[in-house]
N, C-alpha and C. Protein backbone atom coordinates (compact mmCIF):
# COMPACT_ATOMS: atom_id res chain seq x y z
N MET A 1 -67.39 51.35 7.67
CA MET A 1 -66.54 49.66 8.24
C MET A 1 -66.10 49.72 6.48
N ARG A 2 -65.49 48.86 6.90
CA ARG A 2 -64.41 48.46 5.65
C ARG A 2 -64.49 47.33 5.43
N GLN A 3 -64.66 47.08 3.78
CA GLN A 3 -65.61 45.75 3.06
C GLN A 3 -64.48 44.52 3.48
N ALA A 4 -64.77 43.65 2.96
CA ALA A 4 -63.95 42.30 2.85
C ALA A 4 -63.62 42.64 1.13
N PHE A 5 -62.05 42.04 1.06
CA PHE A 5 -61.56 42.55 -0.36
C PHE A 5 -62.31 41.68 -0.57
N THR A 6 -62.33 41.90 -2.19
CA THR A 6 -63.08 40.47 -3.09
C THR A 6 -62.59 40.68 -3.79
N GLY A 7 -61.09 40.81 -4.51
CA GLY A 7 -59.98 41.29 -5.15
C GLY A 7 -60.22 39.10 -5.71
N PRO A 8 -58.62 38.75 -5.88
CA PRO A 8 -58.00 37.35 -6.73
C PRO A 8 -58.70 37.03 -5.50
N GLU A 9 -58.92 35.22 -5.71
CA GLU A 9 -58.77 34.03 -4.91
C GLU A 9 -57.77 34.70 -3.24
N PRO A 10 -58.76 33.70 -2.23
CA PRO A 10 -57.08 33.75 -1.76
C PRO A 10 -56.21 32.34 -1.54
N HIS A 11 -55.41 32.83 -0.68
CA HIS A 11 -53.75 31.31 -0.82
C HIS A 11 -55.06 30.15 -1.30
N PRO A 12 -54.01 30.34 -2.22
CA PRO A 12 -55.17 28.83 -3.36
C PRO A 12 -54.55 27.19 -2.09
N GLU A 13 -54.13 27.22 -0.71
CA GLU A 13 -54.15 26.17 0.10
C GLU A 13 -55.13 26.78 1.46
N PHE A 14 -56.06 27.75 0.95
CA PHE A 14 -56.42 28.05 1.64
C PHE A 14 -57.57 27.50 2.78
N ASN A 15 -57.24 27.51 4.30
CA ASN A 15 -58.31 26.44 4.67
C ASN A 15 -58.53 27.74 6.12
N ALA A 16 -59.42 26.87 6.97
CA ALA A 16 -59.65 27.37 7.69
C ALA A 16 -58.78 27.33 9.45
N VAL A 17 -57.63 26.67 9.86
CA VAL A 17 -56.56 27.02 9.90
C VAL A 17 -55.47 27.09 9.85
N THR A 18 -55.07 26.25 8.31
CA THR A 18 -53.35 26.70 8.61
C THR A 18 -53.52 28.28 7.10
N HIS A 19 -54.22 28.50 6.63
CA HIS A 19 -54.89 29.64 5.48
C HIS A 19 -55.81 30.52 5.36
N PRO A 20 -55.57 30.98 6.81
CA PRO A 20 -57.58 31.87 7.09
C PRO A 20 -57.64 33.27 5.79
N ALA A 21 -59.38 32.61 4.93
CA ALA A 21 -59.24 34.10 4.08
C ALA A 21 -59.16 35.49 4.74
N HIS A 22 -59.56 35.55 6.80
CA HIS A 22 -58.93 37.19 6.51
C HIS A 22 -57.12 37.28 7.10
N TYR A 23 -56.36 36.40 6.72
CA TYR A 23 -55.09 36.62 6.46
C TYR A 23 -54.73 36.38 5.26
N THR A 24 -54.91 36.15 4.53
CA THR A 24 -54.49 35.49 3.17
C THR A 24 -55.55 36.58 1.77
N SER A 25 -56.44 37.90 2.08
CA SER A 25 -57.34 38.25 1.09
C SER A 25 -56.43 39.52 1.03
N HIS A 26 -55.46 39.63 1.51
CA HIS A 26 -54.72 40.73 0.37
C HIS A 26 -54.39 40.60 -0.37
N PRO A 27 -54.34 42.44 -1.42
CA PRO A 27 -53.89 42.13 -2.62
C PRO A 27 -52.57 42.32 -2.82
N SER A 28 -51.91 42.52 -2.41
CA SER A 28 -50.75 41.99 -2.80
C SER A 28 -50.20 40.75 -2.70
N GLY A 29 -51.07 39.67 -1.77
CA GLY A 29 -50.79 38.68 -1.71
C GLY A 29 -49.88 37.73 -0.87
N ILE A 30 -49.22 38.61 -0.09
CA ILE A 30 -48.87 38.91 1.10
C ILE A 30 -49.47 38.11 2.26
N GLU A 31 -49.17 36.44 3.23
CA GLU A 31 -49.67 35.99 4.19
C GLU A 31 -48.69 36.79 5.24
N CYS A 32 -50.58 36.92 5.89
CA CYS A 32 -49.75 38.19 7.41
C CYS A 32 -49.02 37.58 8.45
N ILE A 33 -48.73 36.52 8.16
CA ILE A 33 -48.46 35.29 9.26
C ILE A 33 -46.56 35.73 8.89
N ASP A 34 -46.91 35.94 7.29
CA ASP A 34 -44.81 35.81 6.89
C ASP A 34 -44.34 37.19 7.25
N ILE A 35 -44.76 37.99 7.87
CA ILE A 35 -44.57 38.73 8.15
C ILE A 35 -44.78 39.68 9.45
N VAL A 36 -45.47 38.60 10.41
CA VAL A 36 -45.59 39.20 12.01
C VAL A 36 -44.84 37.87 12.64
N LYS A 37 -44.65 36.78 12.06
CA LYS A 37 -43.40 35.55 12.33
C LYS A 37 -42.07 36.78 12.45
N HIS A 38 -41.66 37.36 12.08
CA HIS A 38 -40.93 38.15 12.54
C HIS A 38 -40.75 39.31 13.06
N MET A 39 -41.58 39.86 14.32
CA MET A 39 -41.75 40.48 15.14
C MET A 39 -42.16 39.73 16.59
N ASN A 40 -41.90 40.37 17.71
CA ASN A 40 -41.75 39.77 18.83
C ASN A 40 -43.79 39.50 18.71
N PHE A 41 -43.95 39.53 19.79
CA PHE A 41 -45.90 38.29 20.19
C PHE A 41 -46.46 40.61 20.06
N CYS A 42 -46.21 40.89 21.06
CA CYS A 42 -46.96 42.49 20.89
C CYS A 42 -47.49 43.54 20.20
N ILE A 43 -46.23 42.88 19.52
CA ILE A 43 -45.98 44.02 17.92
C ILE A 43 -46.93 42.58 16.62
N GLY A 44 -46.78 41.61 16.66
CA GLY A 44 -46.39 41.10 15.14
C GLY A 44 -48.17 40.21 15.81
N ASN A 45 -49.04 40.59 17.10
CA ASN A 45 -50.46 41.05 17.60
C ASN A 45 -50.96 42.33 16.92
N ALA A 46 -50.45 42.83 17.36
CA ALA A 46 -50.66 44.95 16.48
C ALA A 46 -51.36 44.73 15.41
N PHE A 47 -50.75 43.70 14.62
CA PHE A 47 -50.84 44.27 13.59
C PHE A 47 -51.50 43.46 12.85
N LYS A 48 -51.21 41.83 13.35
CA LYS A 48 -52.60 41.30 13.11
C LYS A 48 -53.95 42.20 13.37
N TYR A 49 -53.78 42.14 14.62
CA TYR A 49 -55.45 42.89 14.23
C TYR A 49 -55.64 44.12 13.26
N LEU A 50 -54.24 44.49 13.08
CA LEU A 50 -54.89 45.97 11.73
C LEU A 50 -55.06 45.44 10.69
N TRP A 51 -54.38 44.11 10.23
CA TRP A 51 -54.40 43.19 9.05
C TRP A 51 -56.15 43.16 8.96
N ARG A 52 -56.73 42.40 10.65
CA ARG A 52 -57.87 41.84 9.47
C ARG A 52 -59.19 42.93 10.34
N ALA A 53 -58.85 44.10 10.26
CA ALA A 53 -59.69 44.64 11.28
C ALA A 53 -61.47 44.22 9.73
N GLY A 54 -61.71 43.84 10.14
CA GLY A 54 -63.04 44.29 9.71
C GLY A 54 -63.96 43.16 8.39
N LEU A 55 -62.64 42.29 8.55
CA LEU A 55 -62.39 40.97 7.42
C LEU A 55 -63.20 39.88 8.42
N LYS A 56 -63.27 40.02 10.03
CA LYS A 56 -63.51 38.68 10.37
C LYS A 56 -64.24 39.40 12.04
N GLY A 57 -65.44 39.39 11.84
CA GLY A 57 -65.64 40.19 13.36
C GLY A 57 -65.59 41.73 13.30
N ASN A 58 -66.42 42.08 14.20
CA ASN A 58 -66.42 43.44 15.16
C ASN A 58 -65.04 44.43 14.35
N ALA A 59 -64.81 45.25 13.66
CA ALA A 59 -63.52 46.19 13.08
C ALA A 59 -62.93 47.20 14.77
N ILE A 60 -63.67 47.74 15.50
CA ILE A 60 -63.65 48.30 16.14
C ILE A 60 -62.63 47.71 17.20
N GLU A 61 -63.98 46.39 17.59
CA GLU A 61 -62.57 45.15 18.66
C GLU A 61 -61.94 44.97 18.04
N ASP A 62 -61.34 45.11 16.70
CA ASP A 62 -60.13 44.91 16.31
C ASP A 62 -59.40 45.67 17.09
N TYR A 63 -59.41 47.39 16.85
CA TYR A 63 -58.53 47.94 16.56
C TYR A 63 -58.25 48.20 17.73
N GLU A 64 -59.51 48.08 19.14
CA GLU A 64 -58.79 48.40 20.37
C GLU A 64 -58.25 46.95 21.04
N LYS A 65 -58.54 45.78 20.51
CA LYS A 65 -56.96 45.02 20.35
C LYS A 65 -55.77 44.75 20.51
N THR A 66 -55.96 46.09 18.63
CA THR A 66 -54.51 46.55 18.05
C THR A 66 -53.55 47.73 19.28
N ILE A 67 -55.41 48.06 19.73
CA ILE A 67 -54.37 48.93 21.05
C ILE A 67 -53.75 49.10 22.46
N ARG A 68 -54.00 47.91 23.19
CA ARG A 68 -53.66 47.39 23.75
C ARG A 68 -52.73 46.24 23.60
N TYR A 69 -52.47 45.63 23.01
CA TYR A 69 -51.29 44.96 22.54
C TYR A 69 -50.44 46.41 22.58
N ILE A 70 -50.04 47.29 21.40
CA ILE A 70 -49.38 48.34 21.34
C ILE A 70 -48.92 48.20 23.38
N GLN A 71 -49.91 48.59 23.85
CA GLN A 71 -50.10 49.86 25.07
C GLN A 71 -48.77 48.64 25.53
N ILE A 72 -49.75 47.82 25.66
CA ILE A 72 -48.45 46.49 26.68
C ILE A 72 -47.24 46.48 26.47
N GLU A 73 -46.59 46.50 24.70
CA GLU A 73 -45.30 46.03 23.97
C GLU A 73 -44.12 47.27 24.98
N ILE A 74 -45.48 48.73 25.14
CA ILE A 74 -45.26 50.40 25.02
C ILE A 74 -44.18 50.07 26.57
N GLU A 75 -45.71 49.72 27.44
CA GLU A 75 -45.36 48.91 29.26
C GLU A 75 -43.92 47.86 29.28
N ARG A 76 -43.29 47.04 28.25
CA ARG A 76 -42.72 46.25 28.70
C ARG A 76 -41.21 47.08 28.27
N LEU A 77 -41.23 47.63 27.46
CA LEU A 77 -40.02 49.07 26.85
C LEU A 77 -40.01 49.54 28.44
N LYS A 78 -41.13 50.18 28.48
CA LYS A 78 -40.74 51.42 30.22
C LYS A 78 -40.06 49.84 31.13
N GLU A 79 -40.09 49.13 30.69
CA GLU A 79 -40.09 48.91 32.15
C GLU A 79 -38.50 47.66 32.17
N ALA A 80 -38.11 47.79 31.12
CA ALA A 80 -36.86 47.46 30.19
C ALA A 80 -36.05 48.10 30.58
N ALA A 81 -36.28 49.68 29.67
CA ALA A 81 -35.40 50.74 30.03
C ALA A 81 -34.40 50.66 31.70
């Protein structure tokens, strides 16, 4: 299982609502929302669950959610074609 990042402190304005640690502790200093806000809902959620896998709760569940959102996006694209 992936270990929680133990590097630099999370985002300086960390709080559980606006800057939760499982989305702000990446060593790059980039916050997950800064990337996913440029994606559609399903792709953004898939990316979010990959980002936080193992940092909040069950990593397997996060990977399963990632797969589910990718499947939904594939179906959406097939229906639109």
